[in-house]
Amino acid sequence: GDHPDPTILKDGDDYYMTFSSFYSYPGLIIWHST
């Protein structure tokens, strides 16, 4: 789905990512993965 311009951070054993949210508010949702 609509998750463009990914910016990803490695933080220890965790990964966090967020995306352009354009006109959607609340926005800039953080996503998590290991």
All heavy atoms as atom14 arrays in JSON, in Angstrom:
{
  "sequence": "GDHPDPTILKDGDDYYMTFSSFYSYPGLIIWHST",
  "atom14_mask": [
    [1, 1, 1, 1, 0, 0, 0, 0, 0, 0, 0, 0, 0, 0],
    [1, 1, 1, 1, 1, 1, 1, 1, 0, 0, 0, 0, 0, 0],
    [1, 1, 1, 1, 1, 1, 1, 1, 1, 1, 0, 0, 0, 0],
    [1, 1, 1, 1, 1, 1, 1, 0, 0, 0, 0, 0, 0, 0],
    [1, 1, 1, 1, 1, 1, 1, 1, 0, 0, 0, 0, 0, 0],
    [1, 1, 1, 1, 1, 1, 1, 0, 0, 0, 0, 0, 0, 0],
    [1, 1, 1, 1, 1, 1, 1, 0, 0, 0, 0, 0, 0, 0],
    [1, 1, 1, 1, 1, 1, 1, 1, 0, 0, 0, 0, 0, 0],
    [1, 1, 1, 1, 1, 1, 1, 1, 0, 0, 0, 0, 0, 0],
    [1, 1, 1, 1, 1, 1, 1, 1, 1, 0, 0, 0, 0, 0],
    [1, 1, 1, 1, 1, 1, 1, 1, 0, 0, 0, 0, 0, 0],
    [1, 1, 1, 1, 0, 0, 0, 0, 0, 0, 0, 0, 0, 0],
    [1, 1, 1, 1, 1, 1, 1, 1, 0, 0, 0, 0, 0, 0],
    [1, 1, 1, 1, 1, 1, 1, 1, 0, 0, 0, 0, 0, 0],
    [1, 1, 1, 1, 1, 1, 1, 1, 1, 1, 1, 1, 0, 0],
    [1, 1, 1, 1, 1, 1, 1, 1, 1, 1, 1, 1, 0, 0],
    [1, 1, 1, 1, 1, 1, 1, 1, 0, 0, 0, 0, 0, 0],
    [1, 1, 1, 1, 1, 1, 1, 0, 0, 0, 0, 0, 0, 0],
    [1, 1, 1, 1, 1, 1, 1, 1, 1, 1, 1, 0, 0, 0],
    [1, 1, 1, 1, 1, 1, 0, 0, 0, 0, 0, 0, 0, 0],
    [1, 1, 1, 1, 1, 1, 0, 0, 0, 0, 0, 0, 0, 0],
    [1, 1, 1, 1, 1, 1, 1, 1, 1, 1, 1, 0, 0, 0],
    [1, 1, 1, 1, 1, 1, 1, 1, 1, 1, 1, 1, 0, 0],
    [1, 1, 1, 1, 1, 1, 0, 0, 0, 0, 0, 0, 0, 0],
    [1, 1, 1, 1, 1, 1, 1, 1, 1, 1, 1, 1, 0, 0],
    [1, 1, 1, 1, 1, 1, 1, 0, 0, 0, 0, 0, 0, 0],
    [1, 1, 1, 1, 0, 0, 0, 0, 0, 0, 0, 0, 0, 0],
    [1, 1, 1, 1, 1, 1, 1, 1, 0, 0, 0, 0, 0, 0],
    [1, 1, 1, 1, 1, 1, 1, 1, 0, 0, 0, 0, 0, 0],
    [1, 1, 1, 1, 1, 1, 1, 1, 0, 0, 0, 0, 0, 0],
    [1, 1, 1, 1, 1, 1, 1, 1, 1, 1, 1, 1, 1, 1],
    [1, 1, 1, 1, 1, 1, 1, 1, 1, 1, 0, 0, 0, 0],
    [1, 1, 1, 1, 1, 1, 0, 0, 0, 0, 0, 0, 0, 0],
    [1, 1, 1, 1, 1, 1, 1, 0, 0, 0, 0, 0, 0, 0]
  ],
  "atom14_positions": [
    [[0.82, -1.2, 0.0], [0.0, 0.0, 0.0], [0.85, 1.25, 0.0], [2.07, 1.22, -0.2], [0.0, 0.0, 0.0], [0.0, 0.0, 0.0], [0.0, 0.0, 0.0], [0.0, 0.0, 0.0], [0.0, 0.0, 0.0], [0.0, 0.0, 0.0], [0.0, 0.0, 0.0], [0.0, 0.0, 0.0], [0.0, 0.0, 0.0], [0.0, 0.0, 0.0]],
    [[0.22, 2.37, 0.25], [0.82, 3.69, 0.07], [1.8, 4.0, 1.19], [1.45, 4.67, 2.17], [-0.29, 4.73, 0.0], [0.22, 6.11, -0.4], [1.23, 6.17, -1.11], [-0.4, 7.11, 0.0], [0.0, 0.0, 0.0], [0.0, 0.0, 0.0], [0.0, 0.0, 0.0], [0.0, 0.0, 0.0], [0.0, 0.0, 0.0], [0.0, 0.0, 0.0]],
    [[3.04, 3.54, 1.06], [4.1, 3.77, 2.05], [5.36, 4.2, 1.32], [6.32, 3.42, 1.19], [4.33, 2.52, 2.89], [3.15, 2.12, 3.73], [2.19, 1.24, 3.29], [2.75, 2.53, 4.95], [1.26, 1.11, 4.22], [1.58, 1.89, 5.25], [0.0, 0.0, 0.0], [0.0, 0.0, 0.0], [0.0, 0.0, 0.0], [0.0, 0.0, 0.0]],
    [[5.38, 5.44, 0.84], [6.51, 5.9, 0.02], [7.63, 6.54, 0.84], [7.46, 6.86, 2.02], [5.84, 6.95, -0.86], [4.78, 7.55, 0.02], [4.3, 6.43, 0.91], [0.0, 0.0, 0.0], [0.0, 0.0, 0.0], [0.0, 0.0, 0.0], [0.0, 0.0, 0.0], [0.0, 0.0, 0.0], [0.0, 0.0, 0.0], [0.0, 0.0, 0.0]],
    [[8.76, 6.72, 0.18], [9.9, 7.43, 0.76], [10.31, 6.83, 2.1], [10.44, 7.54, 3.11], [9.57, 8.92, 0.94], [9.1, 9.59, -0.33], [9.68, 9.3, -1.39], [8.15, 10.39, -0.27], [0.0, 0.0, 0.0], [0.0, 0.0, 0.0], [0.0, 0.0, 0.0], [0.0, 0.0, 0.0], [0.0, 0.0, 0.0], [0.0, 0.0, 0.0]],
    [[10.54, 5.52, 2.17], [10.84, 4.92, 3.48], [12.13, 5.48, 4.07], [13.13, 5.65, 3.38], [10.99, 3.43, 3.15], [11.35, 3.39, 1.7], [10.62, 4.54, 1.08], [0.0, 0.0, 0.0], [0.0, 0.0, 0.0], [0.0, 0.0, 0.0], [0.0, 0.0, 0.0], [0.0, 0.0, 0.0], [0.0, 0.0, 0.0], [0.0, 0.0, 0.0]],
    [[12.08, 5.76, 5.37], [13.27, 6.12, 6.13], [13.37, 5.11, 7.26], [12.41, 4.91, 8.01], [13.24, 7.55, 6.65], [14.36, 7.76, 7.53], [11.97, 7.88, 7.39], [0.0, 0.0, 0.0], [0.0, 0.0, 0.0], [0.0, 0.0, 0.0], [0.0, 0.0, 0.0], [0.0, 0.0, 0.0], [0.0, 0.0, 0.0], [0.0, 0.0, 0.0]],
    [[14.51, 4.44, 7.37], [14.63, 3.28, 8.25], [15.81, 3.47, 9.2], [16.85, 4.0, 8.82], [14.77, 1.99, 7.41], [14.79, 0.76, 8.31], [15.96, 2.05, 6.48], [14.66, -0.55, 7.54], [0.0, 0.0, 0.0], [0.0, 0.0, 0.0], [0.0, 0.0, 0.0], [0.0, 0.0, 0.0], [0.0, 0.0, 0.0], [0.0, 0.0, 0.0]],
    [[15.6, 3.02, 10.44], [16.6, 3.16, 11.5], [16.84, 1.8, 12.13], [15.89, 1.11, 12.54], [16.09, 4.15, 12.56], [16.87, 4.22, 13.87], [18.26, 4.8, 13.64], [16.1, 5.05, 14.9], [0.0, 0.0, 0.0], [0.0, 0.0, 0.0], [0.0, 0.0, 0.0], [0.0, 0.0, 0.0], [0.0, 0.0, 0.0], [0.0, 0.0, 0.0]],
    [[18.11, 1.4, 12.23], [18.49, 0.21, 13.02], [18.85, 0.68, 14.41], [19.75, 1.51, 14.58], [19.67, -0.51, 12.36], [20.15, -1.73, 13.14], [21.25, -2.47, 12.38], [21.91, -3.57, 13.21], [20.98, -4.57, 13.71], [0.0, 0.0, 0.0], [0.0, 0.0, 0.0], [0.0, 0.0, 0.0], [0.0, 0.0, 0.0], [0.0, 0.0, 0.0]],
    [[18.16, 0.14, 15.41], [18.34, 0.56, 16.8], [18.55, -0.69, 17.65], [17.59, -1.27, 18.16], [17.11, 1.34, 17.25], [17.28, 1.97, 18.62], [18.43, 2.15, 19.05], [16.25, 2.28, 19.26], [0.0, 0.0, 0.0], [0.0, 0.0, 0.0], [0.0, 0.0, 0.0], [0.0, 0.0, 0.0], [0.0, 0.0, 0.0], [0.0, 0.0, 0.0]],
    [[19.8, -1.14, 17.74], [20.07, -2.41, 18.4], [19.53, -3.55, 17.56], [19.84, -3.68, 16.38], [0.0, 0.0, 0.0], [0.0, 0.0, 0.0], [0.0, 0.0, 0.0], [0.0, 0.0, 0.0], [0.0, 0.0, 0.0], [0.0, 0.0, 0.0], [0.0, 0.0, 0.0], [0.0, 0.0, 0.0], [0.0, 0.0, 0.0], [0.0, 0.0, 0.0]],
    [[18.7, -4.39, 18.17], [18.08, -5.5, 17.45], [16.76, -5.11, 16.8], [16.1, -5.96, 16.18], [17.83, -6.67, 18.41], [19.13, -7.28, 18.93], [20.14, -7.2, 18.2], [19.13, -7.81, 20.05], [0.0, 0.0, 0.0], [0.0, 0.0, 0.0], [0.0, 0.0, 0.0], [0.0, 0.0, 0.0], [0.0, 0.0, 0.0], [0.0, 0.0, 0.0]],
    [[16.37, -3.87, 16.94], [15.09, -3.41, 16.41], [15.29, -2.52, 15.2], [16.31, -1.82, 15.06], [14.33, -2.61, 17.48], [13.96, -3.47, 18.67], [13.1, -4.35, 18.51], [14.55, -3.27, 19.76], [0.0, 0.0, 0.0], [0.0, 0.0, 0.0], [0.0, 0.0, 0.0], [0.0, 0.0, 0.0], [0.0, 0.0, 0.0], [0.0, 0.0, 0.0]],
    [[14.28, -2.53, 14.33], [14.24, -1.64, 13.18], [12.96, -0.81, 13.25], [11.89, -1.33, 13.61], [14.25, -2.43, 11.87], [15.52, -3.21, 11.65], [15.65, -4.51, 12.12], [16.6, -2.65, 10.96], [16.83, -5.23, 11.93], [17.78, -3.35, 10.77], [17.88, -4.65, 11.25], [19.04, -5.34, 11.05], [0.0, 0.0, 0.0], [0.0, 0.0, 0.0]],
    [[13.1, 0.46, 12.92], [11.95, 1.36, 12.88], [11.92, 2.06, 11.53], [12.97, 2.37, 10.95], [12.03, 2.38, 14.01], [11.99, 1.74, 15.38], [13.16, 1.57, 16.12], [10.79, 1.28, 15.91], [13.13, 0.97, 17.37], [10.75, 0.67, 17.17], [11.92, 0.52, 17.89], [11.87, -0.09, 19.12], [0.0, 0.0, 0.0], [0.0, 0.0, 0.0]],
    [[10.72, 2.3, 11.05], [10.58, 2.9, 9.73], [9.34, 3.79, 9.72], [8.34, 3.5, 10.38], [10.46, 1.79, 8.67], [10.47, 2.27, 7.24], [10.93, 0.94, 6.05], [9.72, -0.33, 6.39], [0.0, 0.0, 0.0], [0.0, 0.0, 0.0], [0.0, 0.0, 0.0], [0.0, 0.0, 0.0], [0.0, 0.0, 0.0], [0.0, 0.0, 0.0]],
    [[9.43, 4.9, 8.98], [8.25, 5.71, 8.72], [8.32, 6.2, 7.28], [9.31, 5.96, 6.57], [8.09, 6.86, 9.73], [6.8, 7.45, 9.56], [9.16, 7.93, 9.54], [0.0, 0.0, 0.0], [0.0, 0.0, 0.0], [0.0, 0.0, 0.0], [0.0, 0.0, 0.0], [0.0, 0.0, 0.0], [0.0, 0.0, 0.0], [0.0, 0.0, 0.0]],
    [[7.25, 6.87, 6.85], [7.05, 7.17, 5.44], [6.43, 8.55, 5.28], [5.89, 9.12, 6.23], [6.1, 6.13, 4.8], [6.4, 4.72, 5.18], [5.81, 4.13, 6.29], [7.28, 3.96, 4.44], [6.09, 2.82, 6.66], [7.58, 2.65, 4.79], [6.98, 2.08, 5.91], [0.0, 0.0, 0.0], [0.0, 0.0, 0.0], [0.0, 0.0, 0.0]],
    [[6.44, 9.06, 4.08], [5.7, 10.3, 3.79], [4.22, 10.07, 4.1], [3.64, 9.08, 3.67], [5.85, 10.69, 2.32], [7.19, 10.97, 1.99], [0.0, 0.0, 0.0], [0.0, 0.0, 0.0], [0.0, 0.0, 0.0], [0.0, 0.0, 0.0], [0.0, 0.0, 0.0], [0.0, 0.0, 0.0], [0.0, 0.0, 0.0], [0.0, 0.0, 0.0]],
    [[3.62, 10.99, 4.83], [2.2, 10.83, 5.17], [1.3, 11.86, 4.48], [0.07, 11.79, 4.62], [2.0, 10.9, 6.69], [2.53, 12.11, 7.22], [0.0, 0.0, 0.0], [0.0, 0.0, 0.0], [0.0, 0.0, 0.0], [0.0, 0.0, 0.0], [0.0, 0.0, 0.0], [0.0, 0.0, 0.0], [0.0, 0.0, 0.0], [0.0, 0.0, 0.0]],
    [[1.89, 12.82, 3.76], [1.15, 13.77, 2.94], [0.05, 14.46, 3.75], [0.34, 15.07, 4.77], [0.62, 13.08, 1.68], [1.73, 12.57, 0.82], [2.13, 11.24, 0.87], [2.43, 13.43, 0.0], [3.18, 10.78, 0.1], [3.5, 12.98, -0.78], [3.87, 11.65, -0.72], [0.0, 0.0, 0.0], [0.0, 0.0, 0.0], [0.0, 0.0, 0.0]],
    [[-1.22, 14.35, 3.35], [-2.3, 15.11, 4.0], [-3.01, 14.32, 5.1], [-4.07, 14.74, 5.58], [-3.33, 15.54, 2.96], [-2.84, 16.62, 2.02], [-2.46, 16.31, 0.73], [-2.76, 17.95, 2.43], [-2.02, 17.3, -0.14], [-2.33, 18.95, 1.56], [-1.96, 18.61, 0.28], [-1.52, 19.59, -0.58], [0.0, 0.0, 0.0], [0.0, 0.0, 0.0]],
    [[-2.49, 13.16, 5.48], [-3.16, 12.33, 6.49], [-2.72, 12.75, 7.89], [-1.52, 12.79, 8.18], [-2.83, 10.85, 6.27], [-3.39, 10.39, 5.06], [0.0, 0.0, 0.0], [0.0, 0.0, 0.0], [0.0, 0.0, 0.0], [0.0, 0.0, 0.0], [0.0, 0.0, 0.0], [0.0, 0.0, 0.0], [0.0, 0.0, 0.0], [0.0, 0.0, 0.0]],
    [[-3.72, 13.01, 8.74], [-3.44, 13.38, 10.14], [-4.4, 12.65, 11.06], [-5.58, 12.56, 10.76], [-3.61, 14.9, 10.33], [-2.47, 15.69, 9.74], [-2.53, 16.12, 8.43], [-1.34, 15.99, 10.48], [-1.49, 16.85, 7.87], [-0.29, 16.71, 9.93], [-0.38, 17.14, 8.63], [0.66, 17.86, 8.07], [0.0, 0.0, 0.0], [0.0, 0.0, 0.0]],
    [[-3.91, 12.11, 12.21], [-2.51, 12.07, 12.65], [-1.64, 11.35, 11.63], [-2.11, 10.48, 10.89], [-2.57, 11.31, 13.97], [-3.99, 11.42, 14.42], [-4.8, 11.45, 13.18], [0.0, 0.0, 0.0], [0.0, 0.0, 0.0], [0.0, 0.0, 0.0], [0.0, 0.0, 0.0], [0.0, 0.0, 0.0], [0.0, 0.0, 0.0], [0.0, 0.0, 0.0]],
    [[-0.34, 11.69, 11.61], [0.52, 11.18, 10.56], [1.87, 10.71, 11.06], [2.15, 10.68, 12.26], [0.0, 0.0, 0.0], [0.0, 0.0, 0.0], [0.0, 0.0, 0.0], [0.0, 0.0, 0.0], [0.0, 0.0, 0.0], [0.0, 0.0, 0.0], [0.0, 0.0, 0.0], [0.0, 0.0, 0.0], [0.0, 0.0, 0.0], [0.0, 0.0, 0.0]],
    [[2.72, 10.36, 10.09], [4.07, 9.85, 10.34], [4.04, 8.69, 11.35], [4.56, 8.76, 12.46], [5.01, 10.96, 10.81], [5.33, 12.02, 9.76], [6.29, 13.06, 10.34], [5.94, 11.4, 8.51], [0.0, 0.0, 0.0], [0.0, 0.0, 0.0], [0.0, 0.0, 0.0], [0.0, 0.0, 0.0], [0.0, 0.0, 0.0], [0.0, 0.0, 0.0]],
    [[3.42, 7.6, 10.93], [3.32, 6.41, 11.78], [4.66, 5.69, 11.81], [5.27, 5.44, 10.77], [2.23, 5.46, 11.25], [0.88, 6.18, 11.16], [2.13, 4.22, 12.12], [-0.14, 5.43, 10.35], [0.0, 0.0, 0.0], [0.0, 0.0, 0.0], [0.0, 0.0, 0.0], [0.0, 0.0, 0.0], [0.0, 0.0, 0.0], [0.0, 0.0, 0.0]],
    [[5.13, 5.36, 13.0], [6.32, 4.54, 13.17], [5.92, 3.07, 13.03], [4.95, 2.62, 13.64], [6.97, 4.77, 14.54], [7.43, 6.22, 14.7], [8.13, 3.8, 14.76], [8.64, 6.58, 13.87], [0.0, 0.0, 0.0], [0.0, 0.0, 0.0], [0.0, 0.0, 0.0], [0.0, 0.0, 0.0], [0.0, 0.0, 0.0], [0.0, 0.0, 0.0]],
    [[6.68, 2.33, 12.21], [6.51, 0.87, 12.08], [7.74, 0.18, 12.67], [8.84, 0.73, 12.66], [6.35, 0.49, 10.61], [5.03, 0.91, 10.02], [4.6, 2.19, 9.8], [4.0, 0.05, 9.56], [3.34, 2.17, 9.24], [2.95, 0.88, 9.08], [3.84, -1.33, 9.48], [1.77, 0.36, 8.54], [2.68, -1.86, 8.95], [1.65, -1.02, 8.49]],
    [[7.54, -1.06, 13.16], [8.6, -1.79, 13.86], [8.79, -3.18, 13.26], [7.83, -3.83, 12.84], [8.25, -1.93, 15.34], [9.18, -2.84, 16.1], [8.83, -4.12, 16.46], [10.45, -2.64, 16.54], [9.84, -4.68, 17.11], [10.83, -3.82, 17.18], [0.0, 0.0, 0.0], [0.0, 0.0, 0.0], [0.0, 0.0, 0.0], [0.0, 0.0, 0.0]],
    [[10.05, -3.64, 13.24], [10.37, -4.99, 12.81], [11.63, -5.46, 13.52], [12.44, -4.64, 13.96], [10.59, -5.03, 11.29], [11.01, -6.31, 10.85], [0.0, 0.0, 0.0], [0.0, 0.0, 0.0], [0.0, 0.0, 0.0], [0.0, 0.0, 0.0], [0.0, 0.0, 0.0], [0.0, 0.0, 0.0], [0.0, 0.0, 0.0], [0.0, 0.0, 0.0]],
    [[11.79, -6.77, 13.6], [13.06, -7.34, 14.07], [13.7, -8.22, 13.0], [14.77, -8.79, 13.23], [12.86, -8.17, 15.36], [11.8, -9.1, 15.15], [12.53, -7.26, 16.53], [0.0, 0.0, 0.0], [0.0, 0.0, 0.0], [0.0, 0.0, 0.0], [0.0, 0.0, 0.0], [0.0, 0.0, 0.0], [0.0, 0.0, 0.0], [0.0, 0.0, 0.0]]
  ]
}
